């Protein structure tokens, strides 16, 4: 008979967690006739990108979830605007995405394309090296 102590923690380096999410393309799995599933790092990258691109009050039953970066798109792009963007992205990822450990956020302006390019670097427990999500924000009128 084994005795388990609730204060002991596992010292194993093995991480068997699996992350799954629906494929937002809603493509059909030909074998099961169901919606395809994305797994692990791909699922987390999509979740990070969705959080960054979500505005406040976009989700009906969770209005406080969102990043609110689109409101900064119509400001003049200065170094302070880049700092505000980084802070908003870091805050939403810290509050709503516990699977990632944020490493760095880079914001560059693409004046010719009239958009902002955002690169988010983060670590996922159990996966080697930093993961990168690149997205851009463009003004739409």
N, C-alpha and C. Protein backbone atom coordinates (compact mmCIF):
# COMPACT_ATOMS: atom_id res chain seq x y z
N UNK A 1 0.84 -1.18 0.00
CA UNK A 1 0.00 0.00 0.00
C UNK A 1 0.88 1.24 0.00
N UNK A 2 0.59 2.15 -0.87
CA UNK A 2 1.36 3.38 -0.98
C UNK A 2 0.75 4.46 -0.11
N UNK A 3 1.61 5.27 0.44
CA UNK A 3 1.17 6.41 1.23
C UNK A 3 1.53 7.67 0.45
N UNK A 4 0.53 8.49 0.20
CA UNK A 4 0.74 9.70 -0.56
C UNK A 4 0.64 10.90 0.36
N UNK A 5 1.58 11.79 0.23
CA UNK A 5 1.59 13.01 1.01
C UNK A 5 1.24 14.18 0.10
N UNK A 6 0.30 14.99 0.50
CA UNK A 6 -0.14 16.08 -0.35
C UNK A 6 0.90 17.19 -0.46
N UNK A 7 1.91 17.18 0.39
CA UNK A 7 2.94 18.21 0.35
C UNK A 7 4.08 17.87 -0.60
N UNK A 8 4.17 16.62 -1.04
CA UNK A 8 5.24 16.23 -1.95
C UNK A 8 4.91 16.69 -3.36
N UNK A 9 5.94 17.09 -4.07
CA UNK A 9 5.77 17.46 -5.47
C UNK A 9 6.64 16.55 -6.32
N UNK A 10 6.24 16.38 -7.53
CA UNK A 10 6.97 15.53 -8.45
C UNK A 10 8.27 16.21 -8.86
N UNK A 11 9.35 15.45 -8.85
CA UNK A 11 10.64 15.97 -9.29
C UNK A 11 10.97 15.50 -10.70
N UNK A 12 10.03 14.89 -11.35
CA UNK A 12 10.24 14.37 -12.70
C UNK A 12 10.36 15.52 -13.70
N UNK A 13 11.27 15.36 -14.65
CA UNK A 13 11.44 16.35 -15.71
C UNK A 13 10.46 16.13 -16.85
N UNK A 14 9.72 15.06 -16.79
CA UNK A 14 8.79 14.69 -17.85
C UNK A 14 7.50 15.49 -17.72
N UNK A 15 7.07 16.02 -18.83
CA UNK A 15 5.82 16.76 -18.85
C UNK A 15 4.93 16.13 -19.91
N UNK A 16 3.83 15.56 -19.48
CA UNK A 16 2.97 14.84 -20.42
C UNK A 16 1.68 15.61 -20.71
N UNK A 17 1.67 16.91 -20.44
CA UNK A 17 0.47 17.69 -20.71
C UNK A 17 0.31 17.87 -22.21
N UNK A 18 -0.92 17.81 -22.65
CA UNK A 18 -1.23 17.99 -24.05
C UNK A 18 -2.28 19.09 -24.16
N UNK A 19 -2.02 20.04 -25.04
CA UNK A 19 -2.94 21.15 -25.23
C UNK A 19 -3.64 20.96 -26.56
N UNK A 20 -4.96 21.10 -26.56
CA UNK A 20 -5.75 20.92 -27.78
C UNK A 20 -6.74 22.06 -27.93
N UNK A 21 -7.02 22.35 -29.20
CA UNK A 21 -8.00 23.38 -29.50
C UNK A 21 -8.60 23.07 -30.87
N UNK A 22 -9.76 23.62 -31.13
CA UNK A 22 -10.38 23.43 -32.44
C UNK A 22 -9.63 24.24 -33.49
N UNK A 23 -9.55 23.69 -34.68
CA UNK A 23 -8.97 24.41 -35.80
C UNK A 23 -9.96 25.47 -36.25
N UNK A 24 -9.55 26.73 -36.23
CA UNK A 24 -10.47 27.82 -36.55
C UNK A 24 -10.78 27.94 -38.03
N UNK A 25 -10.11 27.13 -38.85
CA UNK A 25 -10.47 27.07 -40.27
C UNK A 25 -11.71 26.19 -40.46
N UNK A 26 -12.05 25.44 -39.43
CA UNK A 26 -13.19 24.51 -39.43
C UNK A 26 -13.11 23.53 -40.60
N UNK A 27 -11.89 23.09 -40.87
CA UNK A 27 -11.73 22.06 -41.90
C UNK A 27 -12.15 20.72 -41.31
N UNK A 28 -12.60 19.83 -42.17
CA UNK A 28 -13.18 18.57 -41.74
C UNK A 28 -12.12 17.48 -41.72
N UNK A 29 -12.12 16.68 -40.66
CA UNK A 29 -11.28 15.50 -40.59
C UNK A 29 -11.96 14.41 -41.41
N UNK A 30 -11.27 13.89 -42.41
CA UNK A 30 -11.91 12.94 -43.32
C UNK A 30 -12.18 11.59 -42.67
N UNK A 31 -11.45 11.25 -41.63
CA UNK A 31 -11.64 9.95 -40.97
C UNK A 31 -12.82 9.99 -40.01
N UNK A 32 -12.85 11.01 -39.13
CA UNK A 32 -13.88 11.06 -38.10
C UNK A 32 -15.08 11.93 -38.48
N UNK A 33 -14.96 12.67 -39.59
CA UNK A 33 -16.02 13.56 -40.04
C UNK A 33 -16.30 14.67 -39.03
N UNK A 34 -15.31 15.02 -38.25
CA UNK A 34 -15.43 16.05 -37.23
C UNK A 34 -14.49 17.21 -37.59
N UNK A 35 -14.55 18.28 -36.83
CA UNK A 35 -13.66 19.41 -37.05
C UNK A 35 -12.25 19.01 -36.64
N UNK A 36 -11.26 19.44 -37.43
CA UNK A 36 -9.87 19.14 -37.11
C UNK A 36 -9.46 19.78 -35.79
N UNK A 37 -8.47 19.19 -35.16
CA UNK A 37 -7.96 19.67 -33.88
C UNK A 37 -6.50 20.06 -34.07
N UNK A 38 -6.11 21.20 -33.48
CA UNK A 38 -4.70 21.57 -33.43
C UNK A 38 -4.19 21.28 -32.03
N UNK A 39 -2.93 20.90 -31.93
CA UNK A 39 -2.40 20.45 -30.64
C UNK A 39 -1.15 21.21 -30.25
N UNK A 40 -0.88 21.17 -28.95
CA UNK A 40 0.35 21.64 -28.32
C UNK A 40 0.69 23.08 -28.68
N UNK A 41 1.87 23.31 -29.22
CA UNK A 41 2.36 24.67 -29.44
C UNK A 41 1.49 25.43 -30.44
N UNK A 42 0.99 24.75 -31.44
CA UNK A 42 0.13 25.41 -32.43
C UNK A 42 -1.14 25.94 -31.77
N UNK A 43 -1.72 25.17 -30.87
CA UNK A 43 -2.92 25.61 -30.15
C UNK A 43 -2.63 26.83 -29.28
N UNK A 44 -1.49 26.82 -28.61
CA UNK A 44 -1.14 27.94 -27.74
C UNK A 44 -0.83 29.19 -28.55
N UNK A 45 -0.15 29.02 -29.68
CA UNK A 45 0.14 30.18 -30.54
C UNK A 45 -1.14 30.82 -31.05
N UNK A 46 -2.10 30.01 -31.42
CA UNK A 46 -3.38 30.56 -31.89
C UNK A 46 -4.12 31.27 -30.76
N UNK A 47 -4.04 30.72 -29.55
CA UNK A 47 -4.70 31.37 -28.42
C UNK A 47 -4.06 32.72 -28.11
N UNK A 48 -2.74 32.79 -28.19
CA UNK A 48 -2.04 34.06 -27.95
C UNK A 48 -2.44 35.08 -29.00
N UNK A 49 -2.45 34.67 -30.25
CA UNK A 49 -2.82 35.59 -31.33
C UNK A 49 -4.26 36.06 -31.19
N UNK A 50 -5.16 35.16 -30.80
CA UNK A 50 -6.56 35.54 -30.61
C UNK A 50 -6.72 36.53 -29.46
N UNK A 51 -5.97 36.33 -28.38
CA UNK A 51 -6.05 37.26 -27.25
C UNK A 51 -5.58 38.66 -27.65
N UNK A 52 -4.51 38.72 -28.41
CA UNK A 52 -3.98 40.03 -28.82
C UNK A 52 -4.95 40.75 -29.74
N UNK A 53 -5.63 40.02 -30.59
CA UNK A 53 -6.52 40.65 -31.56
C UNK A 53 -7.95 40.84 -31.06
N UNK A 54 -8.23 40.44 -29.84
CA UNK A 54 -9.58 40.59 -29.28
C UNK A 54 -9.73 41.96 -28.63
N UNK A 55 -10.81 42.63 -28.93
CA UNK A 55 -11.13 43.91 -28.30
C UNK A 55 -11.98 43.67 -27.06
N UNK A 56 -12.01 44.66 -26.18
CA UNK A 56 -12.91 44.57 -25.03
C UNK A 56 -14.36 44.52 -25.52
N UNK A 57 -15.20 43.81 -24.79
CA UNK A 57 -16.63 43.66 -25.05
C UNK A 57 -16.93 42.89 -26.33
N UNK A 58 -15.96 42.19 -26.89
CA UNK A 58 -16.21 41.37 -28.07
C UNK A 58 -16.80 40.01 -27.70
N UNK A 59 -16.47 39.53 -26.53
CA UNK A 59 -16.97 38.22 -26.11
C UNK A 59 -18.16 38.44 -25.19
N UNK A 60 -19.32 37.93 -25.56
CA UNK A 60 -20.56 38.28 -24.86
C UNK A 60 -20.57 38.01 -23.36
N UNK A 61 -20.07 36.88 -22.92
CA UNK A 61 -20.17 36.56 -21.50
C UNK A 61 -18.87 36.83 -20.75
N UNK A 62 -17.91 37.44 -21.40
CA UNK A 62 -16.65 37.78 -20.77
C UNK A 62 -16.17 39.12 -21.34
N UNK A 63 -16.85 40.22 -21.03
CA UNK A 63 -16.54 41.50 -21.67
C UNK A 63 -15.19 42.08 -21.26
N UNK A 64 -14.65 41.70 -20.11
CA UNK A 64 -13.37 42.26 -19.69
C UNK A 64 -12.19 41.58 -20.36
N UNK A 65 -12.44 40.48 -21.06
CA UNK A 65 -11.37 39.80 -21.77
C UNK A 65 -11.08 40.55 -23.07
N UNK A 66 -9.85 40.90 -23.26
CA UNK A 66 -9.45 41.59 -24.48
C UNK A 66 -8.17 42.35 -24.24
N UNK A 67 -7.57 42.79 -25.32
CA UNK A 67 -6.29 43.47 -25.24
C UNK A 67 -6.45 44.97 -25.44
N UNK A 68 -7.34 45.37 -26.31
CA UNK A 68 -7.57 46.78 -26.53
C UNK A 68 -6.45 47.49 -27.27
N UNK A 69 -5.69 46.77 -28.08
CA UNK A 69 -4.58 47.41 -28.79
C UNK A 69 -5.06 48.18 -30.01
N UNK A 70 -6.23 47.87 -30.50
CA UNK A 70 -6.71 48.56 -31.71
C UNK A 70 -6.98 50.05 -31.46
N UNK A 71 -7.26 50.41 -30.21
CA UNK A 71 -7.49 51.82 -29.92
C UNK A 71 -6.20 52.64 -30.05
N UNK A 72 -5.05 51.99 -29.96
CA UNK A 72 -3.78 52.70 -30.10
C UNK A 72 -3.33 52.83 -31.55
N UNK A 73 -4.03 52.19 -32.46
CA UNK A 73 -3.62 52.25 -33.87
C UNK A 73 -3.80 53.63 -34.48
N UNK A 74 -4.72 54.42 -33.95
CA UNK A 74 -4.98 55.72 -34.53
C UNK A 74 -4.20 56.83 -33.84
N UNK A 75 -3.30 56.44 -32.94
CA UNK A 75 -2.39 57.40 -32.32
C UNK A 75 -1.15 57.52 -33.19
N UNK A 76 -0.43 58.64 -33.05
CA UNK A 76 0.87 58.74 -33.72
C UNK A 76 1.80 57.71 -33.11
N UNK A 77 2.53 57.00 -33.97
CA UNK A 77 3.40 55.96 -33.45
C UNK A 77 4.69 56.59 -32.93
N UNK A 78 4.86 56.54 -31.63
CA UNK A 78 6.05 57.04 -30.96
C UNK A 78 6.60 55.92 -30.10
N UNK A 79 7.78 56.10 -29.52
CA UNK A 79 8.28 55.07 -28.59
C UNK A 79 7.34 54.80 -27.41
N UNK A 80 6.61 55.82 -26.98
CA UNK A 80 5.66 55.62 -25.88
C UNK A 80 4.48 54.76 -26.32
N UNK A 81 4.06 54.90 -27.57
CA UNK A 81 2.99 54.05 -28.09
C UNK A 81 3.42 52.59 -28.09
N UNK A 82 4.67 52.35 -28.46
CA UNK A 82 5.21 50.99 -28.45
C UNK A 82 5.22 50.43 -27.03
N UNK A 83 5.57 51.26 -26.06
CA UNK A 83 5.58 50.82 -24.65
C UNK A 83 4.16 50.50 -24.19
N UNK A 84 3.18 51.33 -24.56
CA UNK A 84 1.79 51.06 -24.19
C UNK A 84 1.30 49.74 -24.80
N UNK A 85 1.65 49.51 -26.07
CA UNK A 85 1.26 48.26 -26.73
C UNK A 85 1.87 47.06 -26.01
N UNK A 86 3.14 47.14 -25.69
CA UNK A 86 3.81 46.04 -25.00
C UNK A 86 3.16 45.77 -23.65
N UNK A 87 2.83 46.84 -22.93
CA UNK A 87 2.20 46.67 -21.61
C UNK A 87 0.83 46.03 -21.72
N UNK A 88 0.02 46.45 -22.69
CA UNK A 88 -1.31 45.86 -22.86
C UNK A 88 -1.22 44.38 -23.24
N UNK A 89 -0.29 44.04 -24.12
CA UNK A 89 -0.13 42.65 -24.54
C UNK A 89 0.37 41.80 -23.37
N UNK A 90 1.35 42.31 -22.64
CA UNK A 90 1.88 41.57 -21.49
C UNK A 90 0.79 41.35 -20.44
N UNK A 91 -0.04 42.36 -20.21
CA UNK A 91 -1.10 42.25 -19.21
C UNK A 91 -2.14 41.19 -19.59
N UNK A 92 -2.58 41.20 -20.85
CA UNK A 92 -3.60 40.23 -21.26
C UNK A 92 -3.04 38.81 -21.24
N UNK A 93 -1.78 38.64 -21.62
CA UNK A 93 -1.20 37.29 -21.60
C UNK A 93 -0.98 36.81 -20.17
N UNK A 94 -0.60 37.71 -19.30
CA UNK A 94 -0.40 37.32 -17.90
C UNK A 94 -1.73 36.95 -17.24
N UNK A 95 -2.80 37.66 -17.57
CA UNK A 95 -4.09 37.42 -16.94
C UNK A 95 -4.85 36.23 -17.52
N UNK A 96 -4.76 36.01 -18.83
CA UNK A 96 -5.65 35.05 -19.47
C UNK A 96 -4.95 33.88 -20.16
N UNK A 97 -3.63 33.83 -20.16
CA UNK A 97 -2.95 32.70 -20.79
C UNK A 97 -1.87 32.16 -19.85
N UNK A 98 -2.29 31.30 -18.90
CA UNK A 98 -1.33 30.79 -17.90
C UNK A 98 -0.34 29.78 -18.47
N UNK A 99 -0.56 29.30 -19.69
CA UNK A 99 0.33 28.29 -20.26
C UNK A 99 1.63 28.88 -20.78
N UNK A 100 1.71 30.19 -20.93
CA UNK A 100 2.91 30.80 -21.49
C UNK A 100 3.67 31.59 -20.43
N UNK A 101 4.99 31.61 -20.60
CA UNK A 101 5.86 32.45 -19.79
C UNK A 101 6.47 33.46 -20.75
N UNK A 102 6.05 34.69 -20.65
CA UNK A 102 6.43 35.73 -21.59
C UNK A 102 7.91 36.04 -21.48
N UNK A 103 8.57 36.13 -22.64
CA UNK A 103 10.00 36.41 -22.69
C UNK A 103 10.25 37.82 -23.22
N UNK A 104 9.65 38.16 -24.35
CA UNK A 104 9.90 39.46 -24.95
C UNK A 104 8.77 39.81 -25.93
N UNK A 105 8.55 41.09 -26.11
CA UNK A 105 7.59 41.59 -27.09
C UNK A 105 8.29 42.68 -27.89
N UNK A 106 8.25 42.56 -29.20
CA UNK A 106 8.85 43.58 -30.07
C UNK A 106 7.76 44.18 -30.94
N UNK A 107 7.74 45.50 -30.98
CA UNK A 107 6.77 46.23 -31.79
C UNK A 107 7.54 47.09 -32.79
N UNK A 108 7.29 46.87 -34.06
CA UNK A 108 7.92 47.66 -35.12
C UNK A 108 6.84 48.29 -35.98
N UNK A 109 7.15 49.47 -36.50
CA UNK A 109 6.19 50.12 -37.39
C UNK A 109 6.58 49.87 -38.84
N UNK A 110 5.61 49.59 -39.63
CA UNK A 110 5.77 49.43 -41.07
C UNK A 110 5.05 50.61 -41.71
N UNK A 111 5.78 51.71 -41.88
CA UNK A 111 5.16 52.95 -42.35
C UNK A 111 4.60 52.78 -43.75
N UNK A 112 5.33 52.07 -44.61
CA UNK A 112 4.86 51.90 -45.98
C UNK A 112 3.58 51.07 -46.04
N UNK A 113 3.47 50.08 -45.16
CA UNK A 113 2.27 49.24 -45.14
C UNK A 113 1.19 49.78 -44.24
N UNK A 114 1.49 50.89 -43.52
CA UNK A 114 0.54 51.52 -42.62
C UNK A 114 0.03 50.52 -41.57
N UNK A 115 0.98 49.82 -40.95
CA UNK A 115 0.61 48.81 -39.95
C UNK A 115 1.71 48.68 -38.91
N UNK A 116 1.40 47.98 -37.83
CA UNK A 116 2.36 47.67 -36.78
C UNK A 116 2.61 46.17 -36.79
N UNK A 117 3.87 45.79 -36.72
CA UNK A 117 4.26 44.38 -36.69
C UNK A 117 4.64 44.04 -35.26
N UNK A 118 3.99 43.02 -34.71
CA UNK A 118 4.21 42.61 -33.32
C UNK A 118 4.77 41.20 -33.30
N UNK A 119 5.91 41.02 -32.64
CA UNK A 119 6.51 39.71 -32.43
C UNK A 119 6.49 39.42 -30.94
N UNK A 120 5.89 38.29 -30.56
CA UNK A 120 5.77 37.90 -29.16
C UNK A 120 6.60 36.64 -28.96
N UNK A 121 7.55 36.71 -28.05
CA UNK A 121 8.42 35.58 -27.73
C UNK A 121 8.02 35.06 -26.36
N UNK A 122 7.80 33.75 -26.26
CA UNK A 122 7.40 33.16 -24.98
C UNK A 122 7.86 31.72 -24.90
N UNK A 123 7.86 31.21 -23.69
CA UNK A 123 8.19 29.81 -23.43
C UNK A 123 6.93 29.06 -23.04
N UNK A 124 6.87 27.80 -23.44
CA UNK A 124 5.79 26.91 -23.02
C UNK A 124 6.44 25.78 -22.25
N UNK A 125 5.94 25.50 -21.06
CA UNK A 125 6.52 24.46 -20.23
C UNK A 125 6.44 23.11 -20.95
N UNK A 126 7.58 22.44 -21.02
CA UNK A 126 7.64 21.14 -21.65
C UNK A 126 8.05 21.17 -23.11
N UNK A 127 8.25 22.35 -23.67
CA UNK A 127 8.67 22.48 -25.06
C UNK A 127 9.95 23.30 -25.10
N UNK A 128 10.94 22.83 -25.86
CA UNK A 128 12.25 23.50 -25.85
C UNK A 128 12.23 24.82 -26.62
N UNK A 129 13.00 25.75 -26.13
CA UNK A 129 13.21 27.01 -26.82
C UNK A 129 12.03 27.95 -26.80
N UNK A 130 12.31 29.21 -27.12
CA UNK A 130 11.21 30.18 -27.16
C UNK A 130 10.34 29.98 -28.40
N UNK A 131 9.07 30.23 -28.23
CA UNK A 131 8.11 30.18 -29.34
C UNK A 131 7.86 31.61 -29.80
N UNK A 132 7.56 31.78 -31.06
CA UNK A 132 7.37 33.12 -31.61
C UNK A 132 6.00 33.20 -32.29
N UNK A 133 5.26 34.24 -31.95
CA UNK A 133 4.01 34.55 -32.64
C UNK A 133 4.19 35.92 -33.28
N UNK A 134 4.05 35.97 -34.58
CA UNK A 134 4.13 37.24 -35.31
C UNK A 134 2.75 37.60 -35.83
N UNK A 135 2.35 38.81 -35.58
CA UNK A 135 1.07 39.29 -36.08
C UNK A 135 1.21 40.76 -36.43
N UNK A 136 0.28 41.27 -37.16
CA UNK A 136 0.31 42.69 -37.47
C UNK A 136 -1.05 43.29 -37.22
N UNK A 137 -1.01 44.56 -36.90
CA UNK A 137 -2.23 45.32 -36.67
C UNK A 137 -2.29 46.42 -37.71
N UNK A 138 -3.41 46.51 -38.41
CA UNK A 138 -3.55 47.47 -39.49
C UNK A 138 -4.80 48.31 -39.26
N UNK A 139 -4.69 49.57 -39.56
CA UNK A 139 -5.84 50.46 -39.44
C UNK A 139 -6.85 50.16 -40.54
N UNK A 140 -8.08 50.03 -40.15
CA UNK A 140 -9.16 49.84 -41.12
C UNK A 140 -10.16 50.96 -40.91
N UNK A 141 -10.56 51.58 -41.98
CA UNK A 141 -11.52 52.68 -41.87
C UNK A 141 -12.78 52.33 -42.57
